[in-house]
Amino acid sequence: MKDFDYDAWIARNAERIGVRRVKLKEAFDHQFSGEQEPDEPFESADRWIATYRYTHGGQSRFFREILFNKQLYGSKCPGCGKVFCPPRSDCHHCYLKTEWVPLNGLGTIESYTTVHFGTSAAIRKFPFICAYIKLDGTDTVVCANIEMDDVEKAHVGMRVKVVFKEERDGLFTDFFFEPLEQSDA
């Protein structure tokens, strides 16, 4: 390996594929140690970015309604009458297929925490509240974010309303909540 600059190779490839130099060095030290036989497999550093499609299956209508109609839907069991949001295709109590029901987008905070920093691109404003919200007419809670001017005023029992982002992608992060009355915030 004469005239080969391993440190330059590490620096160049770490920059090219967007990884830390120390991690790349750990991964390739053996290959460049001179201990490998010339006919052993040679490995190159690279990064693979995969774009793929996945299905929401039985919950597809929930995401379509958010994307196209700015509407939250739940699913209701025709047997026991329980309403689920996030929706379920089948009732886990009765084992019956559920039916779609529109929700009014209002709810009550059941539990919450204040988040002061994070890495998600879905978050628009810090600090924010991450809460379990029981939507009106449902028997379950949904975990969602609440944006409000003064997070110190958040409390269990606070009434909230859904807000849909103007630019939506058919994702759970296409909506958040805010206090029903800003005077409550």
N, C-alpha and C. Protein backbone atom coordinates (compact mmCIF):
# COMPACT_ATOMS: atom_id res chain seq x y z
N MET A 1 0.84 -1.18 0.00
CA MET A 1 0.00 0.00 0.00
C MET A 1 0.88 1.24 0.00
N LYS A 2 1.89 1.22 -0.83
CA LYS A 2 2.77 2.38 -0.90
C LYS A 2 2.05 3.54 -1.59
N ASP A 3 2.37 4.72 -1.16
CA ASP A 3 1.80 5.95 -1.69
C ASP A 3 0.28 6.05 -1.47
N PHE A 4 -0.24 5.26 -0.54
CA PHE A 4 -1.67 5.34 -0.23
C PHE A 4 -1.83 6.10 1.08
N ASP A 5 -2.64 7.15 1.06
CA ASP A 5 -2.87 7.97 2.25
C ASP A 5 -4.23 7.60 2.85
N TYR A 6 -4.20 6.69 3.84
CA TYR A 6 -5.42 6.18 4.48
C TYR A 6 -6.22 7.31 5.13
N ASP A 7 -5.56 8.23 5.81
CA ASP A 7 -6.26 9.34 6.47
C ASP A 7 -6.99 10.22 5.45
N ALA A 8 -6.37 10.44 4.30
CA ALA A 8 -7.02 11.23 3.24
C ALA A 8 -8.22 10.47 2.68
N TRP A 9 -8.08 9.15 2.53
CA TRP A 9 -9.20 8.33 2.05
C TRP A 9 -10.37 8.42 3.02
N ILE A 10 -10.08 8.30 4.33
CA ILE A 10 -11.12 8.40 5.37
C ILE A 10 -11.80 9.76 5.29
N ALA A 11 -11.01 10.82 5.25
CA ALA A 11 -11.57 12.18 5.21
C ALA A 11 -12.44 12.38 3.98
N ARG A 12 -11.94 11.99 2.83
CA ARG A 12 -12.66 12.17 1.56
C ARG A 12 -13.97 11.40 1.55
N ASN A 13 -13.95 10.14 1.98
CA ASN A 13 -15.15 9.31 1.94
C ASN A 13 -16.14 9.65 3.05
N ALA A 14 -15.65 10.05 4.20
CA ALA A 14 -16.55 10.49 5.27
C ALA A 14 -17.34 11.71 4.81
N GLU A 15 -16.65 12.63 4.16
CA GLU A 15 -17.30 13.83 3.63
C GLU A 15 -18.30 13.45 2.52
N ARG A 16 -17.90 12.56 1.64
CA ARG A 16 -18.73 12.18 0.49
C ARG A 16 -20.03 11.51 0.90
N ILE A 17 -19.98 10.63 1.90
CA ILE A 17 -21.19 9.89 2.27
C ILE A 17 -21.86 10.42 3.53
N GLY A 18 -21.26 11.43 4.16
CA GLY A 18 -21.92 12.08 5.28
C GLY A 18 -21.89 11.30 6.58
N VAL A 19 -20.75 10.68 6.91
CA VAL A 19 -20.59 10.00 8.19
C VAL A 19 -19.38 10.57 8.92
N ARG A 20 -19.33 10.32 10.21
CA ARG A 20 -18.19 10.79 10.99
C ARG A 20 -16.94 9.98 10.63
N ARG A 21 -15.81 10.65 10.61
CA ARG A 21 -14.54 10.01 10.25
C ARG A 21 -14.23 8.83 11.17
N VAL A 22 -14.45 9.01 12.46
CA VAL A 22 -14.10 7.96 13.41
C VAL A 22 -14.90 6.68 13.15
N LYS A 23 -16.16 6.82 12.75
CA LYS A 23 -16.99 5.64 12.45
C LYS A 23 -16.51 4.94 11.18
N LEU A 24 -16.14 5.72 10.18
CA LEU A 24 -15.64 5.13 8.94
C LEU A 24 -14.31 4.42 9.19
N LYS A 25 -13.47 5.02 10.01
CA LYS A 25 -12.17 4.43 10.33
C LYS A 25 -12.37 3.10 11.06
N GLU A 26 -13.30 3.07 12.03
CA GLU A 26 -13.59 1.82 12.75
C GLU A 26 -14.03 0.72 11.78
N ALA A 27 -14.84 1.09 10.80
CA ALA A 27 -15.38 0.11 9.87
C ALA A 27 -14.33 -0.42 8.89
N PHE A 28 -13.32 0.38 8.57
CA PHE A 28 -12.38 -0.01 7.52
C PHE A 28 -10.96 -0.27 8.00
N ASP A 29 -10.69 -0.15 9.29
CA ASP A 29 -9.32 -0.36 9.78
C ASP A 29 -8.75 -1.71 9.36
N HIS A 30 -9.53 -2.77 9.48
CA HIS A 30 -9.01 -4.10 9.14
C HIS A 30 -8.63 -4.19 7.65
N GLN A 31 -9.49 -3.64 6.80
CA GLN A 31 -9.25 -3.72 5.36
C GLN A 31 -7.96 -3.01 4.96
N PHE A 32 -7.62 -1.94 5.65
CA PHE A 32 -6.44 -1.17 5.28
C PHE A 32 -5.26 -1.43 6.21
N SER A 33 -5.35 -2.48 7.03
CA SER A 33 -4.27 -2.80 7.97
C SER A 33 -3.10 -3.53 7.32
N GLY A 34 -3.31 -4.06 6.12
CA GLY A 34 -2.29 -4.85 5.46
C GLY A 34 -2.37 -6.32 5.82
N GLU A 35 -3.36 -6.69 6.65
CA GLU A 35 -3.52 -8.07 7.09
C GLU A 35 -4.41 -8.89 6.15
N GLN A 36 -5.13 -8.24 5.27
CA GLN A 36 -6.00 -8.97 4.36
C GLN A 36 -5.20 -9.50 3.18
N GLU A 37 -5.61 -10.66 2.70
CA GLU A 37 -5.01 -11.25 1.50
C GLU A 37 -5.50 -10.47 0.28
N PRO A 38 -4.72 -10.39 -0.75
CA PRO A 38 -5.11 -9.64 -1.95
C PRO A 38 -6.41 -10.12 -2.59
N ASP A 39 -6.77 -11.39 -2.41
CA ASP A 39 -7.99 -11.92 -3.04
C ASP A 39 -9.21 -11.87 -2.13
N GLU A 40 -9.06 -11.35 -0.92
CA GLU A 40 -10.23 -11.20 -0.03
C GLU A 40 -11.13 -10.11 -0.60
N PRO A 41 -12.43 -10.17 -0.28
CA PRO A 41 -13.35 -9.14 -0.79
C PRO A 41 -12.90 -7.74 -0.37
N PHE A 42 -12.94 -6.83 -1.33
CA PHE A 42 -12.63 -5.43 -1.07
C PHE A 42 -13.94 -4.68 -0.91
N GLU A 43 -14.04 -3.88 0.11
CA GLU A 43 -15.27 -3.14 0.38
C GLU A 43 -15.04 -1.65 0.19
N SER A 44 -16.03 -0.99 -0.35
CA SER A 44 -16.00 0.46 -0.55
C SER A 44 -17.02 1.11 0.37
N ALA A 45 -16.76 2.32 0.77
CA ALA A 45 -17.69 3.07 1.62
C ALA A 45 -18.75 3.73 0.74
N ASP A 46 -19.99 3.59 1.11
CA ASP A 46 -21.07 4.25 0.39
C ASP A 46 -22.27 4.36 1.31
N ARG A 47 -23.25 5.13 0.90
CA ARG A 47 -24.48 5.29 1.64
C ARG A 47 -25.63 4.98 0.70
N TRP A 48 -26.62 4.29 1.22
CA TRP A 48 -27.77 3.91 0.42
C TRP A 48 -28.99 4.64 0.94
N ILE A 49 -29.62 5.41 0.10
CA ILE A 49 -30.86 6.10 0.45
C ILE A 49 -31.97 5.44 -0.35
N ALA A 50 -32.96 4.94 0.34
CA ALA A 50 -34.04 4.22 -0.32
C ALA A 50 -35.34 5.02 -0.25
N THR A 51 -35.96 5.22 -1.38
CA THR A 51 -37.28 5.82 -1.44
C THR A 51 -38.25 4.67 -1.68
N TYR A 52 -39.30 4.62 -0.87
CA TYR A 52 -40.22 3.50 -0.98
C TYR A 52 -41.65 3.95 -0.70
N ARG A 53 -42.57 3.09 -1.02
CA ARG A 53 -43.99 3.33 -0.75
C ARG A 53 -44.45 2.30 0.26
N TYR A 54 -45.34 2.72 1.16
CA TYR A 54 -45.94 1.76 2.07
C TYR A 54 -47.42 2.07 2.17
N THR A 55 -48.17 1.09 2.59
CA THR A 55 -49.62 1.25 2.66
C THR A 55 -50.08 1.43 4.10
N HIS A 56 -51.12 2.19 4.27
CA HIS A 56 -51.74 2.36 5.58
C HIS A 56 -52.84 1.31 5.80
N GLY A 57 -53.02 0.45 4.82
CA GLY A 57 -53.96 -0.66 4.96
C GLY A 57 -55.35 -0.19 5.36
N GLY A 58 -55.89 -0.82 6.40
CA GLY A 58 -57.24 -0.53 6.87
C GLY A 58 -57.42 0.86 7.43
N GLN A 59 -56.34 1.58 7.66
CA GLN A 59 -56.44 2.96 8.17
C GLN A 59 -56.30 3.99 7.04
N SER A 60 -56.33 3.56 5.81
CA SER A 60 -56.09 4.45 4.68
C SER A 60 -57.06 5.64 4.64
N ARG A 61 -58.33 5.40 4.94
CA ARG A 61 -59.28 6.51 4.88
C ARG A 61 -58.92 7.62 5.86
N PHE A 62 -58.41 7.27 7.02
CA PHE A 62 -57.98 8.26 8.01
C PHE A 62 -57.01 9.25 7.37
N PHE A 63 -56.02 8.74 6.64
CA PHE A 63 -55.00 9.59 6.04
C PHE A 63 -55.52 10.34 4.81
N ARG A 64 -56.41 9.71 4.05
CA ARG A 64 -57.02 10.41 2.90
C ARG A 64 -57.85 11.60 3.36
N GLU A 65 -58.62 11.41 4.43
CA GLU A 65 -59.48 12.49 4.93
C GLU A 65 -58.64 13.66 5.44
N ILE A 66 -57.52 13.36 6.08
CA ILE A 66 -56.61 14.41 6.54
C ILE A 66 -56.05 15.16 5.34
N LEU A 67 -55.57 14.43 4.35
CA LEU A 67 -54.92 15.03 3.18
C LEU A 67 -55.90 15.85 2.34
N PHE A 68 -57.02 15.25 1.97
CA PHE A 68 -57.92 15.88 1.01
C PHE A 68 -59.01 16.75 1.63
N ASN A 69 -59.44 16.44 2.86
CA ASN A 69 -60.62 17.11 3.41
C ASN A 69 -60.39 17.80 4.75
N LYS A 70 -59.18 17.78 5.28
CA LYS A 70 -58.90 18.38 6.59
C LYS A 70 -59.92 17.89 7.62
N GLN A 71 -60.08 16.60 7.71
CA GLN A 71 -61.09 16.01 8.59
C GLN A 71 -60.49 14.81 9.33
N LEU A 72 -60.75 14.73 10.63
CA LEU A 72 -60.36 13.55 11.40
C LEU A 72 -61.50 12.56 11.42
N TYR A 73 -61.14 11.29 11.26
CA TYR A 73 -62.10 10.20 11.34
C TYR A 73 -61.65 9.21 12.40
N GLY A 74 -62.61 8.57 13.00
CA GLY A 74 -62.34 7.45 13.89
C GLY A 74 -63.05 6.23 13.33
N SER A 75 -62.91 5.13 14.03
CA SER A 75 -63.63 3.92 13.62
C SER A 75 -64.46 3.42 14.79
N LYS A 76 -65.66 3.00 14.49
CA LYS A 76 -66.62 2.59 15.53
C LYS A 76 -66.98 1.13 15.36
N CYS A 77 -66.99 0.41 16.46
CA CYS A 77 -67.40 -0.99 16.44
C CYS A 77 -68.92 -1.08 16.43
N PRO A 78 -69.50 -1.82 15.48
CA PRO A 78 -70.95 -1.96 15.45
C PRO A 78 -71.48 -2.84 16.58
N GLY A 79 -70.59 -3.58 17.24
CA GLY A 79 -71.01 -4.45 18.34
C GLY A 79 -71.05 -3.73 19.67
N CYS A 80 -69.89 -3.33 20.16
CA CYS A 80 -69.82 -2.71 21.49
C CYS A 80 -69.95 -1.20 21.45
N GLY A 81 -69.83 -0.59 20.25
CA GLY A 81 -70.00 0.85 20.12
C GLY A 81 -68.76 1.66 20.44
N LYS A 82 -67.64 1.03 20.76
CA LYS A 82 -66.42 1.78 21.05
C LYS A 82 -65.93 2.49 19.80
N VAL A 83 -65.44 3.72 20.01
CA VAL A 83 -64.91 4.52 18.90
C VAL A 83 -63.41 4.70 19.13
N PHE A 84 -62.63 4.39 18.11
CA PHE A 84 -61.17 4.41 18.19
C PHE A 84 -60.57 5.53 17.34
N CYS A 85 -59.65 6.25 17.91
CA CYS A 85 -58.82 7.18 17.16
C CYS A 85 -57.48 7.24 17.89
N PRO A 86 -56.41 6.82 17.25
CA PRO A 86 -56.31 6.40 15.87
C PRO A 86 -57.24 5.22 15.59
N PRO A 87 -57.73 5.17 14.35
CA PRO A 87 -58.71 4.15 14.00
C PRO A 87 -58.12 2.75 13.95
N ARG A 88 -59.00 1.78 14.13
CA ARG A 88 -58.64 0.36 14.03
C ARG A 88 -59.54 -0.26 12.98
N SER A 89 -59.02 -1.21 12.24
CA SER A 89 -59.81 -1.91 11.23
C SER A 89 -60.81 -2.86 11.88
N ASP A 90 -60.39 -3.41 13.02
CA ASP A 90 -61.21 -4.39 13.72
C ASP A 90 -61.23 -4.04 15.21
N CYS A 91 -62.34 -4.31 15.86
CA CYS A 91 -62.46 -4.07 17.29
C CYS A 91 -61.72 -5.18 18.05
N HIS A 92 -60.85 -4.80 18.94
CA HIS A 92 -60.12 -5.80 19.70
C HIS A 92 -60.93 -6.33 20.88
N HIS A 93 -62.13 -5.81 21.08
CA HIS A 93 -63.04 -6.34 22.11
C HIS A 93 -64.00 -7.37 21.51
N CYS A 94 -64.58 -7.01 20.36
CA CYS A 94 -65.63 -7.84 19.74
C CYS A 94 -65.15 -8.62 18.52
N TYR A 95 -64.00 -8.23 17.98
CA TYR A 95 -63.45 -8.85 16.77
C TYR A 95 -64.31 -8.60 15.54
N LEU A 96 -65.06 -7.51 15.55
CA LEU A 96 -65.87 -7.13 14.39
C LEU A 96 -65.16 -6.05 13.59
N LYS A 97 -65.48 -5.98 12.30
CA LYS A 97 -64.98 -4.90 11.45
C LYS A 97 -65.59 -3.59 11.94
N THR A 98 -64.77 -2.55 12.01
CA THR A 98 -65.28 -1.25 12.44
C THR A 98 -65.82 -0.46 11.26
N GLU A 99 -66.53 0.61 11.58
CA GLU A 99 -67.12 1.50 10.58
C GLU A 99 -66.58 2.90 10.79
N TRP A 100 -66.39 3.65 9.72
CA TRP A 100 -65.84 4.99 9.80
C TRP A 100 -66.85 5.98 10.35
N VAL A 101 -66.38 6.88 11.24
CA VAL A 101 -67.22 7.96 11.78
C VAL A 101 -66.40 9.25 11.79
N PRO A 102 -67.01 10.35 11.33
CA PRO A 102 -66.30 11.63 11.38
C PRO A 102 -66.22 12.13 12.83
N LEU A 103 -65.13 12.82 13.15
CA LEU A 103 -64.95 13.40 14.48
C LEU A 103 -64.96 14.91 14.36
N ASN A 104 -65.35 15.59 15.43
CA ASN A 104 -65.46 17.05 15.36
C ASN A 104 -64.14 17.78 15.56
N GLY A 105 -63.06 17.05 15.87
CA GLY A 105 -61.75 17.68 15.99
C GLY A 105 -61.50 18.36 17.32
N LEU A 106 -62.42 18.19 18.27
CA LEU A 106 -62.26 18.76 19.60
C LEU A 106 -61.89 17.65 20.57
N GLY A 107 -61.13 18.00 21.60
CA GLY A 107 -60.75 16.99 22.57
C GLY A 107 -60.26 17.59 23.87
N THR A 108 -59.85 16.70 24.77
CA THR A 108 -59.42 17.07 26.10
C THR A 108 -58.06 16.44 26.39
N ILE A 109 -57.14 17.22 26.95
CA ILE A 109 -55.84 16.69 27.33
C ILE A 109 -56.01 15.74 28.51
N GLU A 110 -55.53 14.51 28.32
CA GLU A 110 -55.56 13.51 29.39
C GLU A 110 -54.22 13.47 30.13
N SER A 111 -53.13 13.67 29.41
CA SER A 111 -51.78 13.66 29.97
C SER A 111 -50.89 14.38 28.97
N TYR A 112 -49.78 14.97 29.46
CA TYR A 112 -48.91 15.70 28.53
C TYR A 112 -47.51 15.86 29.10
N THR A 113 -46.60 16.26 28.23
CA THR A 113 -45.26 16.67 28.63
C THR A 113 -44.87 17.86 27.77
N THR A 114 -43.97 18.68 28.27
CA THR A 114 -43.47 19.83 27.53
C THR A 114 -42.15 19.45 26.88
N VAL A 115 -42.03 19.73 25.59
CA VAL A 115 -40.82 19.41 24.83
C VAL A 115 -40.14 20.73 24.46
N HIS A 116 -38.88 20.86 24.88
CA HIS A 116 -38.16 22.12 24.66
C HIS A 116 -37.24 22.09 23.45
N PHE A 117 -36.83 20.90 23.00
CA PHE A 117 -36.01 20.81 21.80
C PHE A 117 -36.17 19.42 21.21
N GLY A 118 -35.87 19.30 19.92
CA GLY A 118 -35.99 18.02 19.23
C GLY A 118 -35.42 18.12 17.83
N THR A 119 -35.48 17.01 17.13
CA THR A 119 -34.86 16.96 15.80
C THR A 119 -35.86 16.75 14.67
N SER A 120 -37.13 16.56 14.97
CA SER A 120 -38.10 16.25 13.93
C SER A 120 -38.40 17.47 13.05
N ALA A 121 -38.42 17.25 11.77
CA ALA A 121 -38.77 18.31 10.82
C ALA A 121 -40.26 18.64 10.90
N ALA A 122 -41.06 17.78 11.54
CA ALA A 122 -42.49 18.00 11.65
C ALA A 122 -42.83 19.07 12.69
N ILE A 123 -41.89 19.39 13.56
CA ILE A 123 -42.15 20.36 14.63
C ILE A 123 -41.91 21.77 14.09
N ARG A 124 -42.91 22.62 14.29
CA ARG A 124 -42.82 23.97 13.75
C ARG A 124 -42.41 25.00 14.79
N LYS A 125 -42.65 24.70 16.09
CA LYS A 125 -42.46 25.72 17.11
C LYS A 125 -42.03 25.05 18.42
N PHE A 126 -41.01 25.61 19.06
CA PHE A 126 -40.55 25.13 20.36
C PHE A 126 -40.73 26.24 21.39
N PRO A 127 -40.99 25.91 22.64
CA PRO A 127 -41.39 24.59 23.12
C PRO A 127 -42.81 24.27 22.69
N PHE A 128 -43.16 23.00 22.76
CA PHE A 128 -44.52 22.57 22.44
C PHE A 128 -44.93 21.50 23.43
N ILE A 129 -46.18 21.16 23.38
CA ILE A 129 -46.74 20.13 24.26
C ILE A 129 -46.97 18.87 23.44
N CYS A 130 -46.53 17.74 23.94
CA CYS A 130 -46.86 16.43 23.37
C CYS A 130 -47.86 15.81 24.35
N ALA A 131 -49.05 15.49 23.85
CA ALA A 131 -50.13 15.10 24.76
C ALA A 131 -50.90 13.88 24.28
N TYR A 132 -51.50 13.22 25.25
CA TYR A 132 -52.54 12.24 24.95
C TYR A 132 -53.86 12.99 25.02
N ILE A 133 -54.57 12.97 23.91
CA ILE A 133 -55.81 13.73 23.78
C ILE A 133 -56.96 12.76 23.54
N LYS A 134 -57.99 12.89 24.35
CA LYS A 134 -59.21 12.10 24.15
C LYS A 134 -60.14 12.97 23.32
N LEU A 135 -60.31 12.58 22.06
CA LEU A 135 -61.18 13.34 21.17
C LEU A 135 -62.64 13.10 21.53
N ASP A 136 -63.44 14.12 21.38
CA ASP A 136 -64.87 14.00 21.68
C ASP A 136 -65.48 12.83 20.92
N GLY A 137 -66.24 12.02 21.62
CA GLY A 137 -66.93 10.90 21.00
C GLY A 137 -66.08 9.64 20.83
N THR A 138 -64.83 9.66 21.33
CA THR A 138 -63.97 8.48 21.21
C THR A 138 -63.76 7.84 22.58
N ASP A 139 -63.32 6.60 22.55
CA ASP A 139 -63.04 5.86 23.79
C ASP A 139 -61.55 5.64 24.01
N THR A 140 -60.72 6.18 23.13
CA THR A 140 -59.27 6.01 23.23
C THR A 140 -58.62 7.39 23.18
N VAL A 141 -57.31 7.43 23.32
CA VAL A 141 -56.58 8.69 23.22
C VAL A 141 -55.65 8.63 22.01
N VAL A 142 -55.36 9.81 21.50
CA VAL A 142 -54.42 9.95 20.39
C VAL A 142 -53.24 10.78 20.90
N CYS A 143 -52.04 10.39 20.54
CA CYS A 143 -50.85 11.15 20.91
C CYS A 143 -50.58 12.17 19.82
N ALA A 144 -50.58 13.43 20.18
CA ALA A 144 -50.39 14.49 19.18
C ALA A 144 -49.76 15.70 19.86
N ASN A 145 -49.27 16.61 19.04
CA ASN A 145 -48.64 17.83 19.54
C ASN A 145 -49.65 18.95 19.69
N ILE A 146 -49.37 19.81 20.66
CA ILE A 146 -50.18 21.01 20.88
C ILE A 146 -49.24 22.20 20.81
N GLU A 147 -49.59 23.16 19.96
CA GLU A 147 -48.84 24.40 19.89
C GLU A 147 -49.62 25.47 20.63
N MET A 148 -48.92 26.17 21.51
CA MET A 148 -49.55 27.26 22.26
C MET A 148 -48.48 28.27 22.65
N ASP A 149 -48.90 29.50 22.84
CA ASP A 149 -47.95 30.57 23.14
C ASP A 149 -47.28 30.39 24.49
N ASP A 150 -48.01 29.98 25.50
CA ASP A 150 -47.46 29.82 26.85
C ASP A 150 -47.67 28.38 27.31
N VAL A 151 -46.65 27.53 27.12
CA VAL A 151 -46.78 26.11 27.46
C VAL A 151 -46.98 25.90 28.96
N GLU A 152 -46.64 26.90 29.77
CA GLU A 152 -46.83 26.79 31.23
C GLU A 152 -48.32 26.72 31.59
N LYS A 153 -49.18 27.13 30.69
CA LYS A 153 -50.62 27.13 30.96
C LYS A 153 -51.31 25.83 30.55
N ALA A 154 -50.56 24.91 30.00
CA ALA A 154 -51.14 23.60 29.63
C ALA A 154 -51.54 22.87 30.91
N HIS A 155 -52.63 22.12 30.84
CA HIS A 155 -53.06 21.36 32.01
C HIS A 155 -53.97 20.21 31.59
N VAL A 156 -53.98 19.18 32.40
CA VAL A 156 -54.90 18.07 32.18
C VAL A 156 -56.31 18.64 32.26
N GLY A 157 -57.15 18.24 31.33
CA GLY A 157 -58.52 18.75 31.25
C GLY A 157 -58.68 19.90 30.28
N MET A 158 -57.58 20.46 29.79
CA MET A 158 -57.66 21.59 28.84
C MET A 158 -58.32 21.12 27.55
N ARG A 159 -59.22 21.92 27.04
CA ARG A 159 -59.90 21.64 25.78
C ARG A 159 -59.03 22.13 24.62
N VAL A 160 -58.93 21.31 23.58
CA VAL A 160 -58.12 21.62 22.41
C VAL A 160 -58.91 21.37 21.14
N LYS A 161 -58.43 21.98 20.04
CA LYS A 161 -59.05 21.75 18.73
C LYS A 161 -57.96 21.43 17.73
N VAL A 162 -58.32 20.64 16.73
CA VAL A 162 -57.36 20.25 15.70
C VAL A 162 -57.11 21.41 14.75
N VAL A 163 -55.86 21.49 14.28
CA VAL A 163 -55.46 22.46 13.27
C VAL A 163 -54.72 21.66 12.20
N PHE A 164 -55.17 21.80 10.96
CA PHE A 164 -54.51 21.12 9.85
C PHE A 164 -53.51 22.04 9.20
N LYS A 165 -52.35 21.52 8.88
CA LYS A 165 -51.36 22.31 8.18
C LYS A 165 -51.87 22.59 6.77
N GLU A 166 -51.49 23.73 6.23
CA GLU A 166 -51.92 24.07 4.87
C GLU A 166 -51.30 23.10 3.85
N GLU A 167 -50.04 22.80 4.02
CA GLU A 167 -49.38 21.85 3.12
C GLU A 167 -49.35 20.50 3.81
N ARG A 168 -50.13 19.56 3.28
CA ARG A 168 -50.26 18.23 3.89
C ARG A 168 -49.73 17.17 2.95
N ASP A 169 -49.31 16.06 3.54
CA ASP A 169 -48.72 14.98 2.77
C ASP A 169 -49.41 13.64 3.00
N GLY A 170 -50.51 13.63 3.74
CA GLY A 170 -51.17 12.37 4.05
C GLY A 170 -50.46 11.63 5.18
N LEU A 171 -49.94 12.39 6.14
CA LEU A 171 -49.20 11.83 7.27
C LEU A 171 -49.84 12.23 8.59
N PHE A 172 -49.50 11.52 9.63
CA PHE A 172 -50.03 11.83 10.96
C PHE A 172 -49.56 13.20 11.43
N THR A 173 -48.46 13.67 10.91
CA THR A 173 -47.92 14.97 11.29
C THR A 173 -48.55 16.13 10.50
N ASP A 174 -49.59 15.85 9.73
CA ASP A 174 -50.28 16.90 8.97
C ASP A 174 -51.22 17.73 9.83
N PHE A 175 -51.34 17.37 11.10
CA PHE A 175 -52.20 18.13 12.00
C PHE A 175 -51.56 18.21 13.37
N PHE A 176 -52.03 19.19 14.13
CA PHE A 176 -51.62 19.36 15.52
C PHE A 176 -52.83 19.96 16.23
N PHE A 177 -52.69 20.28 17.48
CA PHE A 177 -53.79 20.87 18.24
C PHE A 177 -53.35 22.19 18.83
N GLU A 178 -54.34 23.01 19.15
CA GLU A 178 -54.10 24.24 19.89
C GLU A 178 -55.22 24.39 20.90
N PRO A 179 -55.03 25.22 21.94
CA PRO A 179 -56.09 25.41 22.91
C PRO A 179 -57.37 25.88 22.23
N LEU A 180 -58.49 25.37 22.70
CA LEU A 180 -59.79 25.73 22.10
C LEU A 180 -60.01 27.24 22.18
N GLU A 181 -59.70 27.80 23.31
CA GLU A 181 -59.77 29.24 23.46
C GLU A 181 -58.40 29.72 23.88
N GLN A 182 -57.84 30.63 23.10
CA GLN A 182 -56.49 31.10 23.39
C GLN A 182 -56.41 31.74 24.79
N SER A 183 -57.53 32.20 25.34
CA SER A 183 -57.51 32.75 26.70
C SER A 183 -57.21 31.63 27.70
N ASP A 184 -57.49 30.35 27.33
CA ASP A 184 -57.14 29.23 28.20
C ASP A 184 -55.65 28.99 28.17
N ALA A 185 -55.00 29.45 27.11
CA ALA A 185 -53.58 29.18 26.94
C ALA A 185 -52.81 30.14 27.81
